[in-house]
């Protein structure tokens, strides 16, 4: 992998942006590699939690200039077809982060330094966000004369108060980590990256010890509730439970483990079969 290191241990998949010297800008390889990694972990049920971390001074400086250059339509192309092609390009970029939102396991992200432009799109698609005291977030697109289009607004509108978000979107100012915590964008702020990563891995271990099916169901339900009415959410959880609720497996193991004063042992999710495999 050009942009990432991947390590899977103790049912936790750790995906690390490794181009710290280049500020972890999101090159064309980034947009190809990230969804491949996440789909491999998710479809193969290779982990119960995904942790995304980074290296260097900044988490990510956002979209690499080479991506902007590659997305320019052919000046000789008919205008309607060129615009339709650009729309497909944007949808493809969005899909890179949507796989995080759709993954069956929670995705935790640890941010140090700058999280800029498409970096904000990325962390907004994760389940839980953590930051160091020196971290900051910028909706950089407005400073470049464009509208953020890879997921910032659809997701942040459900994560942050409208007034604060609109100020960031219109003015292109930095959102410091402490203020991000006050607004609910991040869960915790830490003095150092080492302290942050230790905490995030502890949270990941706690999640990995729970029933993967119950965790998966919880993520599905929260995502569904986010995008639907309360009535729709109540109806959907009733339908989900009618199909997934099985007290003779994970619940029984949980009760037995408690009575026997031991840690419960739950089965992993099944790998997703593709085609005629």
Protein backbone atom coordinates (compact mmCIF):
# COMPACT_ATOMS: atom_id res chain seq x y z
CA UNK A 1 0.00 0.00 0.00
CA UNK A 2 1.26 3.46 -0.91
CA UNK A 3 -0.73 5.50 1.60
CA UNK A 4 -1.54 3.14 4.47
CA UNK A 5 -0.15 0.60 6.87
CA UNK A 6 -2.64 -2.04 8.01
CA UNK A 7 -2.34 -4.20 11.10
CA UNK A 8 -4.96 -6.61 12.43
CA UNK A 9 -4.52 -7.96 15.94
CA UNK A 10 -6.87 -8.89 18.78
CA UNK A 11 -9.84 -8.42 16.44
CA UNK A 12 -8.92 -4.75 15.86
CA UNK A 13 -7.92 -3.48 12.41
CA UNK A 14 -5.61 -0.48 12.66
CA UNK A 15 -5.34 1.55 9.45
CA UNK A 16 -2.59 4.19 9.58
CA UNK A 17 -1.99 7.00 7.11
CA UNK A 18 1.75 6.70 6.56
CA UNK A 19 2.72 9.67 4.36
CA UNK A 20 3.42 12.00 7.26
CA UNK A 21 6.28 13.76 5.52
CA UNK A 22 3.86 14.73 2.74
CA UNK A 23 1.18 15.82 5.27
CA UNK A 24 -0.84 12.73 4.34
CA UNK A 25 -2.40 14.46 1.36
CA UNK A 26 -4.99 12.32 -0.38
CA UNK A 27 -3.40 11.25 -3.66
CA UNK A 28 -5.20 9.13 -6.31
CA UNK A 29 -3.75 6.04 -4.59
CA UNK A 30 -5.43 7.08 -1.32
CA UNK A 31 -8.89 7.13 -2.91
CA UNK A 32 -8.33 3.66 -4.35
CA UNK A 33 -6.64 2.03 -1.38
CA UNK A 34 -8.88 3.10 1.51
CA UNK A 35 -12.12 1.52 0.25
CA UNK A 36 -10.22 -1.62 -0.76
CA UNK A 37 -8.84 -1.97 2.78
CA UNK A 38 -12.14 -1.28 4.51
CA UNK A 39 -14.15 -3.59 2.25
CA UNK A 40 -11.59 -6.36 2.77
CA UNK A 41 -11.85 -6.05 6.56
CA UNK A 42 -15.64 -5.71 6.49
CA UNK A 43 -16.54 -8.35 3.91
CA UNK A 44 -14.04 -10.81 5.34
CA UNK A 45 -15.16 -10.16 8.94
CA UNK A 46 -11.45 -9.83 9.73
CA UNK A 47 -11.96 -7.49 12.70
CA UNK A 48 -14.63 -6.25 15.08
CA UNK A 49 -13.44 -2.64 15.19
CA UNK A 50 -11.51 -0.39 12.82
CA UNK A 51 -9.14 2.27 14.19
CA UNK A 52 -7.85 4.95 11.82
CA UNK A 53 -4.73 6.82 12.91
CA UNK A 54 -2.09 8.92 11.21
CA UNK A 55 1.58 9.84 11.27
CA UNK A 56 3.52 13.07 11.17
CA UNK A 57 2.58 16.55 12.31
CA UNK A 58 -0.86 16.57 10.70
CA UNK A 59 -3.61 13.99 10.32
CA UNK A 60 -4.23 15.04 6.72
CA UNK A 61 -3.88 18.19 4.65
CA UNK A 62 -6.74 16.97 2.47
CA UNK A 63 -7.06 16.45 -1.25
CA UNK A 64 -3.79 16.24 -3.14
CA UNK A 65 -3.51 18.67 -6.05
CA UNK A 66 -3.01 15.75 -8.43
CA UNK A 67 -6.62 14.66 -7.82
CA UNK A 68 -7.91 18.09 -8.82
CA UNK A 69 -5.79 17.93 -11.97
CA UNK A 70 -7.02 14.44 -12.88
CA UNK A 71 -10.67 15.39 -12.38
CA UNK A 72 -10.66 18.22 -14.91
CA UNK A 73 -12.91 17.39 -17.88
CA UNK A 74 -11.55 17.24 -21.39
CA UNK A 75 -11.93 20.80 -22.74
CA UNK A 76 -12.87 19.34 -26.12
CA UNK A 77 -15.70 17.23 -24.67
CA UNK A 78 -19.36 18.18 -25.12
CA UNK A 79 -20.42 20.18 -22.05
CA UNK A 80 -23.30 17.99 -20.89
CA UNK A 81 -21.25 14.80 -21.13
CA UNK A 82 -18.29 16.42 -19.40
CA UNK A 83 -20.49 17.55 -16.51
CA UNK A 84 -22.06 14.09 -16.23
CA UNK A 85 -18.60 12.55 -16.08
CA UNK A 86 -17.53 14.98 -13.35
CA UNK A 87 -20.61 14.06 -11.33
CA UNK A 88 -19.60 10.39 -11.47
CA UNK A 89 -16.10 11.35 -10.32
CA UNK A 90 -17.50 13.16 -7.28
CA UNK A 91 -19.76 10.21 -6.44
CA UNK A 92 -16.74 7.92 -6.63
CA UNK A 93 -14.82 10.12 -4.18
CA UNK A 94 -17.81 10.13 -1.82
CA UNK A 95 -17.92 6.34 -1.90
CA UNK A 96 -14.37 6.19 -0.50
CA UNK A 97 -15.67 7.53 2.81
CA UNK A 98 -19.18 6.06 2.66
CA UNK A 99 -17.64 2.60 3.07
CA UNK A 100 -16.63 3.70 6.59
CA UNK A 101 -20.22 4.65 7.38
CA UNK A 102 -21.58 1.36 6.01
CA UNK A 103 -18.99 -0.98 7.52
CA UNK A 104 -20.51 -3.56 9.86
CA UNK A 105 -18.05 -2.66 12.60
CA UNK A 106 -17.51 0.71 14.32
CA UNK A 107 -14.78 2.98 12.97
CA UNK A 108 -12.81 5.07 15.48
CA UNK A 109 -10.50 7.84 14.27
CA UNK A 110 -7.63 9.55 16.11
CA UNK A 111 -6.72 13.03 14.85
CA UNK A 112 -3.50 14.92 15.52
CA UNK A 113 -2.60 18.31 14.09
CA UNK A 114 -4.48 19.54 11.06
CA UNK A 115 -7.53 17.79 9.66
CA UNK A 116 -8.18 19.83 6.57
CA UNK A 117 -10.59 19.74 3.65
CA UNK A 118 -11.23 16.14 2.64
CA UNK A 119 -9.79 15.10 6.00
CA UNK A 120 -12.97 16.53 7.54
CA UNK A 121 -15.05 14.54 5.05
CA UNK A 122 -13.22 11.43 6.17
CA UNK A 123 -13.54 11.81 9.93
CA UNK A 124 -17.20 12.80 9.61
CA UNK A 125 -17.91 9.34 8.16
CA UNK A 126 -16.42 7.59 11.21
CA UNK A 127 -18.38 6.49 14.28
CA UNK A 128 -16.25 8.13 16.98
CA UNK A 129 -13.66 10.90 16.75
CA UNK A 130 -10.81 11.72 19.15
CA UNK A 131 -8.25 14.52 18.98
CA UNK A 132 -5.05 15.86 20.47
CA UNK A 133 -4.94 19.34 21.99
CA UNK A 134 -3.09 20.67 18.94
CA UNK A 135 -5.64 19.26 16.49
CA UNK A 136 -7.78 21.56 14.39
CA UNK A 137 -10.38 21.16 11.67
CA UNK A 138 -10.91 23.33 8.58
CA UNK A 139 -13.55 23.19 5.88
CA UNK A 140 -10.83 24.24 3.48
CA UNK A 141 -12.85 24.10 0.28
CA UNK A 142 -14.36 27.55 0.87
CA UNK A 143 -10.83 28.98 1.01
CA UNK A 144 -10.17 27.47 -2.41
CA UNK A 145 -13.28 28.96 -3.99
CA UNK A 146 -15.39 25.80 -4.07
CA UNK A 147 -18.12 24.03 -2.13
CA UNK A 148 -17.18 20.96 -0.07
CA UNK A 149 -18.64 17.99 -1.92
CA UNK A 150 -17.28 14.69 -0.55
CA UNK A 151 -19.46 14.40 2.57
CA UNK A 152 -18.78 17.34 4.88
CA UNK A 153 -22.23 18.91 4.83
CA UNK A 154 -24.55 15.86 4.74
CA UNK A 155 -22.72 14.39 7.75
CA UNK A 156 -21.63 17.41 9.79
CA UNK A 157 -25.17 18.80 9.69
CA UNK A 158 -26.08 15.79 11.84
CA UNK A 159 -23.03 16.04 14.10
CA UNK A 160 -22.76 19.75 14.95
CA UNK A 161 -25.01 22.72 15.78
CA UNK A 162 -26.07 24.55 12.62
CA UNK A 163 -24.81 28.03 13.54
CA UNK A 164 -21.31 26.84 14.42
CA UNK A 165 -21.08 24.67 11.32
CA UNK A 166 -22.25 27.44 9.03
CA UNK A 167 -19.63 29.81 10.40
CA UNK A 168 -16.93 27.24 9.66
CA UNK A 169 -18.33 26.55 6.20
CA UNK A 170 -18.65 30.20 5.19
CA UNK A 171 -15.53 31.68 6.82
CA UNK A 172 -13.06 28.80 6.46
CA UNK A 173 -11.74 29.27 9.98
CA UNK A 174 -9.95 26.74 12.16
CA UNK A 175 -12.01 24.78 14.68
CA UNK A 176 -9.67 23.96 17.60
CA UNK A 177 -9.92 20.57 19.27
CA UNK A 178 -11.33 21.88 22.56
CA UNK A 179 -14.09 23.75 20.77
CA UNK A 180 -14.76 20.68 18.61
CA UNK A 181 -15.35 18.71 21.81
CA UNK A 182 -17.71 21.38 23.15
CA UNK A 183 -19.70 21.15 19.92
CA UNK A 184 -19.81 17.34 20.03
CA UNK A 185 -17.65 16.68 16.97
CA UNK A 186 -15.02 14.82 18.99
CA UNK A 187 -15.49 12.64 22.07
CA UNK A 188 -12.28 13.41 23.96
CA UNK A 189 -9.18 15.60 23.68
CA UNK A 190 -5.72 14.47 24.82
CA UNK A 191 -2.43 16.18 25.58
CA UNK A 192 -0.40 13.88 23.34
CA UNK A 193 -0.92 11.55 20.43
CA UNK A 194 0.37 8.63 22.50
CA UNK A 195 -2.27 9.25 25.18
CA UNK A 196 -4.96 9.56 22.54
CA UNK A 197 -4.00 6.33 20.78
CA UNK A 198 -3.82 4.45 24.08
CA UNK A 199 -7.36 5.58 24.91
CA UNK A 200 -8.70 4.81 21.44
CA UNK A 201 -7.22 1.32 21.52
CA UNK A 202 -8.77 0.75 24.96
CA UNK A 203 -12.16 1.74 23.59
CA UNK A 204 -11.59 -0.54 20.60
CA UNK A 205 -10.73 -3.45 22.92
CA UNK A 206 -13.94 -2.90 24.86
CA UNK A 207 -15.97 -2.92 21.65
CA UNK A 208 -14.16 -6.01 20.36
CA UNK A 209 -15.12 -7.88 23.53
CA UNK A 210 -18.85 -7.35 22.90
CA UNK A 211 -21.13 -9.42 20.69
CA UNK A 212 -20.24 -8.46 17.08
CA UNK A 213 -23.85 -9.02 16.03
CA UNK A 214 -25.16 -6.72 18.76
CA UNK A 215 -22.59 -4.06 17.86
CA UNK A 216 -23.44 -4.37 14.17
CA UNK A 217 -27.14 -4.04 14.96
CA UNK A 218 -26.47 -0.98 17.10
CA UNK A 219 -24.57 0.73 14.27
CA UNK A 220 -27.28 -0.11 11.75
CA UNK A 221 -29.97 1.25 14.06
CA UNK A 222 -28.14 4.49 14.86
CA UNK A 223 -27.40 5.14 11.20
CA UNK A 224 -31.02 4.41 10.29
CA UNK A 225 -32.36 6.64 13.07
CA UNK A 226 -30.03 9.43 11.94
CA UNK A 227 -31.55 9.35 8.45
CA UNK A 228 -35.23 8.68 9.33
CA UNK A 229 -38.06 9.73 11.64
CA UNK A 230 -38.50 8.33 15.14
CA UNK A 231 -41.50 6.33 13.95
CA UNK A 232 -39.47 4.83 11.10
CA UNK A 233 -36.65 3.97 13.50
CA UNK A 234 -38.97 2.22 15.95
CA UNK A 235 -40.55 0.21 13.15
CA UNK A 236 -37.18 -0.80 11.73
CA UNK A 237 -35.72 -1.96 15.05
CA UNK A 238 -38.80 -4.12 15.57
CA UNK A 239 -38.24 -5.72 12.16
CA UNK A 240 -34.50 -6.12 12.82
CA UNK A 241 -35.12 -7.83 16.15
CA UNK A 242 -37.67 -10.14 14.59
CA UNK A 243 -34.89 -11.46 12.35
CA UNK A 244 -31.72 -11.09 14.45
CA UNK A 245 -32.75 -11.56 18.08
CA UNK A 246 -31.57 -14.96 19.29
CA UNK A 247 -31.28 -15.25 23.09
CA UNK A 248 -29.99 -18.82 22.82
CA UNK A 249 -26.58 -17.70 21.54
CA UNK A 250 -24.92 -14.41 22.53
CA UNK A 251 -27.31 -13.52 25.35
CA UNK A 252 -27.00 -16.97 26.88
CA UNK A 253 -23.20 -16.76 26.61
CA UNK A 254 -23.29 -13.35 28.29
CA UNK A 255 -25.35 -14.66 31.22
CA UNK A 256 -23.24 -17.80 31.57
CA UNK A 257 -20.00 -15.82 31.52
CA UNK A 258 -21.29 -13.51 34.24
CA UNK A 259 -22.35 -16.41 36.44
CA UNK A 260 -19.03 -18.17 35.87
CA UNK A 261 -17.05 -14.96 36.46
CA UNK A 262 -15.26 -15.07 33.09
CA UNK A 263 -15.12 -13.02 29.93
CA UNK A 264 -17.78 -13.99 27.39
CA UNK A 265 -16.70 -15.55 24.10
CA UNK A 266 -18.74 -14.48 21.09
CA UNK A 267 -18.56 -15.71 17.53
CA UNK A 268 -17.42 -13.38 14.77
CA UNK A 269 -19.70 -12.13 12.04
CA UNK A 270 -19.67 -14.27 8.91
CA UNK A 271 -17.64 -13.29 5.89
CA UNK A 272 -19.72 -11.93 3.02
CA UNK A 273 -19.98 -14.39 0.14
CA UNK A 274 -19.56 -12.85 -3.28
CA UNK A 275 -20.90 -14.18 -6.52
CA UNK A 276 -20.71 -17.98 -6.63
CA UNK A 277 -18.05 -18.39 -3.92
